[in-house]
C-alpha atoms as a PDB file:
ATOM      1  CA  MET A   1      -0.717 -12.204  -3.043  1.00  0.00           C
ATOM      2  CA  LYS A   2       1.947 -14.915  -2.914  1.00  0.00           C
ATOM      3  CA  HIS A   3       4.036 -15.511   0.173  1.00  0.00           C
ATOM      4  CA  CYS A   4       7.234 -13.396   0.281  1.00  0.00           C
ATOM      5  CA  THR A   5      10.436 -13.788   2.255  1.00  0.00           C
ATOM      6  CA  GLN A   6      12.426 -10.926   3.692  1.00  0.00           C
ATOM      7  CA  PRO A   7      15.302 -11.386   1.162  1.00  0.00           C
ATOM      8  CA  GLU A   8      12.787 -11.370  -1.719  1.00  0.00           C
ATOM      9  CA  ILE A   9      11.256  -8.137  -0.450  1.00  0.00           C
ATOM     10  CA  LEU A  10      14.657  -6.479   0.061  1.00  0.00           C
ATOM     11  CA  ALA A  11      15.635  -7.385  -3.520  1.00  0.00           C
ATOM     12  CA  ALA A  12      12.362  -5.932  -4.867  1.00  0.00           C
ATOM     13  CA  PHE A  13      12.830  -2.303  -3.733  1.00  0.00           C
ATOM     14  CA  ARG A  14      12.538   0.325  -6.463  1.00  0.00           C
ATOM     15  CA  GLY A  15      13.481   3.986  -6.244  1.00  0.00           C
ATOM     16  CA  ALA A  16      15.428   3.354  -3.050  1.00  0.00           C
ATOM     17  CA  THR A  17      19.133   3.656  -2.364  1.00  0.00           C
ATOM     18  CA  ARG A  18      21.173   0.733  -1.059  1.00  0.00           C
ATOM     19  CA  SER A  19      21.576   2.434   2.297  1.00  0.00           C
ATOM     20  CA  GLU A  20      17.801   2.954   2.569  1.00  0.00           C
ATOM     21  CA  VAL A  21      17.205  -0.721   1.823  1.00  0.00           C
ATOM     22  CA  LYS A  22      19.809  -1.731   4.432  1.00  0.00           C
ATOM     23  CA  ARG A  23      17.839   0.249   7.066  1.00  0.00           C
ATOM     24  CA  VAL A  24      14.528  -1.530   6.347  1.00  0.00           C
ATOM     25  CA  THR A  25      13.147  -3.036   9.553  1.00  0.00           C
ATOM     26  CA  PHE A  26      10.476  -5.722   9.318  1.00  0.00           C
ATOM     27  CA  ARG A  27       7.678  -6.059  11.832  1.00  0.00           C
ATOM     28  CA  PRO A  28       8.356  -8.555  14.620  1.00  0.00           C
ATOM     29  CA  ASP A  29       5.359 -10.641  13.499  1.00  0.00           C
ATOM     30  CA  PHE A  30       6.492 -10.834   9.872  1.00  0.00           C
ATOM     31  CA  ASP A  31       6.682 -14.656   9.949  1.00  0.00           C
ATOM     32  CA  GLU A  32       2.988 -14.794  10.937  1.00  0.00           C
ATOM     33  CA  VAL A  33       1.688 -12.669   8.006  1.00  0.00           C
ATOM     34  CA  ASP A  34      -0.952 -14.479   5.917  1.00  0.00           C
ATOM     35  CA  PHE A  35      -0.094 -13.156   2.451  1.00  0.00           C
ATOM     36  CA  SER A  36      -2.992 -15.112   0.896  1.00  0.00           C
ATOM     37  CA  ARG A  37      -5.421 -12.656   2.532  1.00  0.00           C
ATOM     38  CA  LEU A  38      -3.640  -9.545   1.216  1.00  0.00           C
ATOM     39  CA  ASP A  39      -3.735  -7.655  -2.046  1.00  0.00           C
ATOM     40  CA  PHE A  40      -0.498  -5.898  -0.993  1.00  0.00           C
ATOM     41  CA  TYR A  41       1.624  -6.014   2.133  1.00  0.00           C
ATOM     42  CA  GLY A  42       2.276  -2.744   3.937  1.00  0.00           C
ATOM     43  CA  TRP A  43       3.857  -1.968   7.278  1.00  0.00           C
ATOM     44  CA  ARG A  44       5.273   0.919   9.292  1.00  0.00           C
ATOM     45  CA  ASP A  45       8.954   0.793  10.154  1.00  0.00           C
ATOM     46  CA  PRO A  46       9.205   0.141  13.895  1.00  0.00           C
ATOM     47  CA  LYS A  47      12.439   2.163  14.126  1.00  0.00           C
ATOM     48  CA  LEU A  48      11.768   5.075  11.753  1.00  0.00           C
ATOM     49  CA  ALA A  49       8.544   6.863  12.744  1.00  0.00           C
ATOM     50  CA  ARG A  50       7.658   8.440   9.412  1.00  0.00           C
ATOM     51  CA  ARG A  51       8.705   5.535   7.177  1.00  0.00           C
ATOM     52  CA  SER A  52       6.495   2.770   5.825  1.00  0.00           C
ATOM     53  CA  TYR A  53       6.790   0.169   3.100  1.00  0.00           C
ATOM     54  CA  ILE A  54       4.556  -1.640   0.671  1.00  0.00           C
ATOM     55  CA  VAL A  55       5.139  -4.777  -1.337  1.00  0.00           C
ATOM     56  CA  VAL A  56       2.891  -5.640  -4.257  1.00  0.00           C
ATOM     57  CA  GLU A  57       2.876  -7.909  -7.266  1.00  0.00           C
ATOM     58  CA  HIS A  58       3.035  -5.695 -10.342  1.00  0.00           C
ATOM     59  CA  GLU A  59       3.057  -7.100 -13.866  1.00  0.00           C
ATOM     60  CA  GLY A  60       4.122 -10.499 -12.611  1.00  0.00           C
ATOM     61  CA  GLU A  61       6.981  -9.398 -10.378  1.00  0.00           C
ATOM     62  CA  LEU A  62       7.403  -8.284  -6.822  1.00  0.00           C
ATOM     63  CA  VAL A  63       7.820  -4.521  -6.277  1.00  0.00           C
ATOM     64  CA  ALA A  64       8.646  -2.928  -2.915  1.00  0.00           C
ATOM     65  CA  LEU A  65       8.479   0.806  -2.243  1.00  0.00           C
ATOM     66  CA  ILE A  66       9.483   3.133   0.580  1.00  0.00           C
ATOM     67  CA  LEU A  67       6.694   5.493   1.677  1.00  0.00           C
ATOM     68  CA  ASN A  68       7.478   8.636   3.629  1.00  0.00           C
ATOM     69  CA  ARG A  69       4.647   9.936   5.791  1.00  0.00           C
ATOM     70  CA  ALA A  70       3.996  13.653   5.839  1.00  0.00           C
ATOM     71  CA  ASP A  71       4.515  15.515   9.112  1.00  0.00           C
ATOM     72  CA  ALA A  72       1.027  16.923   9.115  1.00  0.00           C
ATOM     73  CA  ARG A  73      -2.152  14.866   9.136  1.00  0.00           C
ATOM     74  CA  PRO A  74      -5.194  15.781   7.067  1.00  0.00           C
ATOM     75  CA  SER A  75      -7.176  18.393   9.002  1.00  0.00           C
ATOM     76  CA  ARG A  76     -10.453  16.572   8.380  1.00  0.00           C
ATOM     77  CA  LYS A  77     -11.471  12.939   8.103  1.00  0.00           C
ATOM     78  CA  ALA A  78     -10.017  11.773   4.807  1.00  0.00           C
ATOM     79  CA  MET A  79     -10.758   8.801   2.562  1.00  0.00           C
ATOM     80  CA  CYS A  80      -8.045   6.352   1.589  1.00  0.00           C
ATOM     81  CA  ALA A  81      -7.301   6.617  -2.133  1.00  0.00           C
ATOM     82  CA  TRP A  82      -6.794   2.862  -2.393  1.00  0.00           C
ATOM     83  CA  CYS A  83      -9.623   1.150  -0.495  1.00  0.00           C
ATOM     84  CA  ARG A  84     -12.023   4.112  -0.599  1.00  0.00           C
ATOM     85  CA  ASP A  85     -13.622   2.914   2.615  1.00  0.00           C
ATOM     86  CA  VAL A  86     -16.033   5.577   3.873  1.00  0.00           C
ATOM     87  CA  ASP A  87     -16.374   4.008   7.336  1.00  0.00           C
ATOM     88  CA  LEU A  88     -12.785   4.040   8.512  1.00  0.00           C
ATOM     89  CA  THR A  89     -12.067   3.702  12.184  1.00  0.00           C
ATOM     90  CA  GLN A  90      -8.379   4.668  11.944  1.00  0.00           C
ATOM     91  CA  ASP A  91      -6.532   7.543  10.369  1.00  0.00           C
ATOM     92  CA  VAL A  92      -5.610   8.143   6.770  1.00  0.00           C
ATOM     93  CA  VAL A  93      -2.202   9.683   6.180  1.00  0.00           C
ATOM     94  CA  MET A  94      -0.456  11.407   3.297  1.00  0.00           C
ATOM     95  CA  VAL A  95       2.558   9.481   2.004  1.00  0.00           C
ATOM     96  CA  SER A  96       5.005  10.208  -0.757  1.00  0.00           C
ATOM     97  CA  VAL A  97       7.170   7.792  -2.728  1.00  0.00           C
ATOM     98  CA  ARG A  98      10.293   8.630  -4.693  1.00  0.00           C
ATOM     99  CA  ARG A  99       9.882   7.706  -8.343  1.00  0.00           C
ATOM    100  CA  ALA A 100      12.129   5.059  -9.804  1.00  0.00           C
ATOM    101  CA  GLY A 101      14.943   5.863 -12.237  1.00  0.00           C
ATOM    102  CA  ALA A 102      16.327   9.232 -13.269  1.00  0.00           C
ATOM    103  CA  LYS A 103      13.247  11.180 -12.176  1.00  0.00           C
ATOM    104  CA  GLY A 104      13.543   9.783  -8.667  1.00  0.00           C
ATOM    105  CA  ARG A 105      17.238  10.655  -8.537  1.00  0.00           C
ATOM    106  CA  ARG A 106      16.245  14.239  -9.397  1.00  0.00           C
ATOM    107  CA  GLY A 107      13.786  14.231  -6.481  1.00  0.00           C
ATOM    108  CA  ALA A 108      10.443  13.523  -8.189  1.00  0.00           C
ATOM    109  CA  THR A 109       7.870  11.953  -5.897  1.00  0.00           C
ATOM    110  CA  VAL A 110       4.261  10.839  -6.051  1.00  0.00           C
ATOM    111  CA  GLY A 111       1.900  11.238  -3.103  1.00  0.00           C
ATOM    112  CA  THR A 112      -1.359   9.698  -2.017  1.00  0.00           C
ATOM    113  CA  LEU A 113      -3.625   9.258   0.998  1.00  0.00           C
ATOM    114  CA  VAL A 114      -3.596   5.741   2.507  1.00  0.00           C
ATOM    115  CA  CYS A 115      -4.852   3.965   5.591  1.00  0.00           C
ATOM    116  CA  GLU A 116      -2.275   4.373   8.312  1.00  0.00           C
ATOM    117  CA  ASP A 117      -2.450   0.684   9.242  1.00  0.00           C
ATOM    118  CA  PHE A 118      -2.509  -0.536   5.583  1.00  0.00           C
ATOM    119  CA  GLY A 119      -5.730  -2.421   6.339  1.00  0.00           C
ATOM    120  CA  CYS A 120      -7.110  -1.820   2.846  1.00  0.00           C
ATOM    121  CA  SER A 121      -7.371  -5.542   1.997  1.00  0.00           C
ATOM    122  CA  ARG A 122      -9.518  -6.053   5.070  1.00  0.00           C
ATOM    123  CA  HIS A 123     -11.645  -2.971   4.427  1.00  0.00           C
ATOM    124  CA  VAL A 124     -12.637  -3.890   0.883  1.00  0.00           C
ATOM    125  CA  ARG A 125     -13.726  -7.351   2.016  1.00  0.00           C
ATOM    126  CA  LYS A 126     -16.215  -6.052   4.569  1.00  0.00           C
ATOM    127  CA  LEU A 127     -19.746  -6.843   3.615  1.00  0.00           C
ATOM    128  CA  PRO A 128     -21.453  -3.670   2.411  1.00  0.00           C
ATOM    129  CA  PRO A 129     -24.839  -2.851   3.925  1.00  0.00           C
ATOM    130  CA  ALA A 130     -27.677  -4.632   2.096  1.00  0.00           C
ATOM    131  CA  PHE A 131     -29.869  -2.047   0.449  1.00  0.00           C
ATOM    132  CA  HIS A 132     -32.546  -4.541  -0.574  1.00  0.00           C
ATOM    133  CA  LYS A 133     -33.028  -8.276  -0.802  1.00  0.00           C
ATOM    134  CA  GLY A 134     -31.843  -8.421  -4.430  1.00  0.00           C
ATOM    135  CA  THR A 135     -28.384  -6.976  -3.705  1.00  0.00           C
ATOM    136  CA  ASP A 136     -25.570  -9.356  -4.650  1.00  0.00           C
ATOM    137  CA  LEU A 137     -23.217  -8.657  -1.770  1.00  0.00           C
ATOM    138  CA  ASP A 138     -20.516 -11.028  -3.040  1.00  0.00           C
ATOM    139  CA  ALA A 139     -20.439  -9.247  -6.400  1.00  0.00           C
ATOM    140  CA  ILE A 140     -20.071  -5.887  -4.660  1.00  0.00           C
ATOM    141  CA  ARG A 141     -17.206  -7.257  -2.546  1.00  0.00           C
ATOM    142  CA  GLU A 142     -15.478  -8.637  -5.657  1.00  0.00           C
ATOM    143  CA  GLU A 143     -15.829  -5.214  -7.320  1.00  0.00           C
ATOM    144  CA  GLN A 144     -14.270  -3.523  -4.287  1.00  0.00           C
ATOM    145  CA  VAL A 145     -11.350  -5.964  -4.252  1.00  0.00           C
ATOM    146  CA  ALA A 146     -10.768  -5.483  -7.997  1.00  0.00           C
ATOM    147  CA  GLY A 147     -10.914  -1.707  -7.511  1.00  0.00           C
ATOM    148  CA  LEU A 148      -8.316  -1.828  -4.748  1.00  0.00           C
ATOM    149  CA  ARG A 149      -5.971  -3.960  -6.857  1.00  0.00           C
ATOM    150  CA  HIS A 150      -6.416  -1.641  -9.838  1.00  0.00           C
ATOM    151  CA  ARG A 151      -5.754   1.548  -7.821  1.00  0.00           C
ATOM    152  CA  VAL A 152      -2.636   0.147  -6.074  1.00  0.00           C
ATOM    153  CA  ASP A 153      -1.368  -1.207  -9.394  1.00  0.00           C
ATOM    154  CA  ALA A 154      -1.898   2.188 -11.058  1.00  0.00           C
ATOM    155  CA  PHE A 155      -0.014   3.882  -8.226  1.00  0.00           C
ATOM    156  CA  VAL A 156       2.928   1.508  -8.593  1.00  0.00           C
ATOM    157  CA  ALA A 157       2.900   1.967 -12.386  1.00  0.00           C
ATOM    158  CA  GLN A 158       3.079   5.742 -11.871  1.00  0.00           C
ATOM    159  CA  ILE A 159       6.118   5.304  -9.612  1.00  0.00           C
ATOM    160  CA  LEU A 160       7.865   3.028 -12.127  1.00  0.00           C
ATOM    161  CA  ALA A 161       6.941   5.018 -15.277  1.00  0.00           C
ATOM    162  CA  ASP A 162       9.810   6.317 -17.421  1.00  0.00           C
ATOM    163  CA  ASP A 163       7.919   9.251 -18.950  1.00  0.00           C
END
């Protein structure tokens, strides 16, 4: 993903009120983020415990969303809906996002399970175990990256949909 500045991200929020956007707190290490290694940028708000944010390029423009983490955690080990990593070392959490437009103003949300640390870009780039000598590990990795991008893009499209 392309490098983003804080003002660009703040201007890209969808389905959020002005007061919610004003309360966005960036991570202290924001200036050190290597966006070239990310398919989307996600972070937990250091001041609001249950709030997180993602920024993604969708249909050629930057889109930022506020994610609200559920109080309860999944009772069993869960799989992230975006990276689908089956060997996660950290928790997966349920988040909900207010839809954009009139539906969002009426309270409609969309939920999904995501990695708590938003490490999906790193997870899909891990080398899968080689099953036999003929396995093309780079092709598998490219498939995983494309799958992550597709699933995140579909999630964002669902948030932005007018239907």
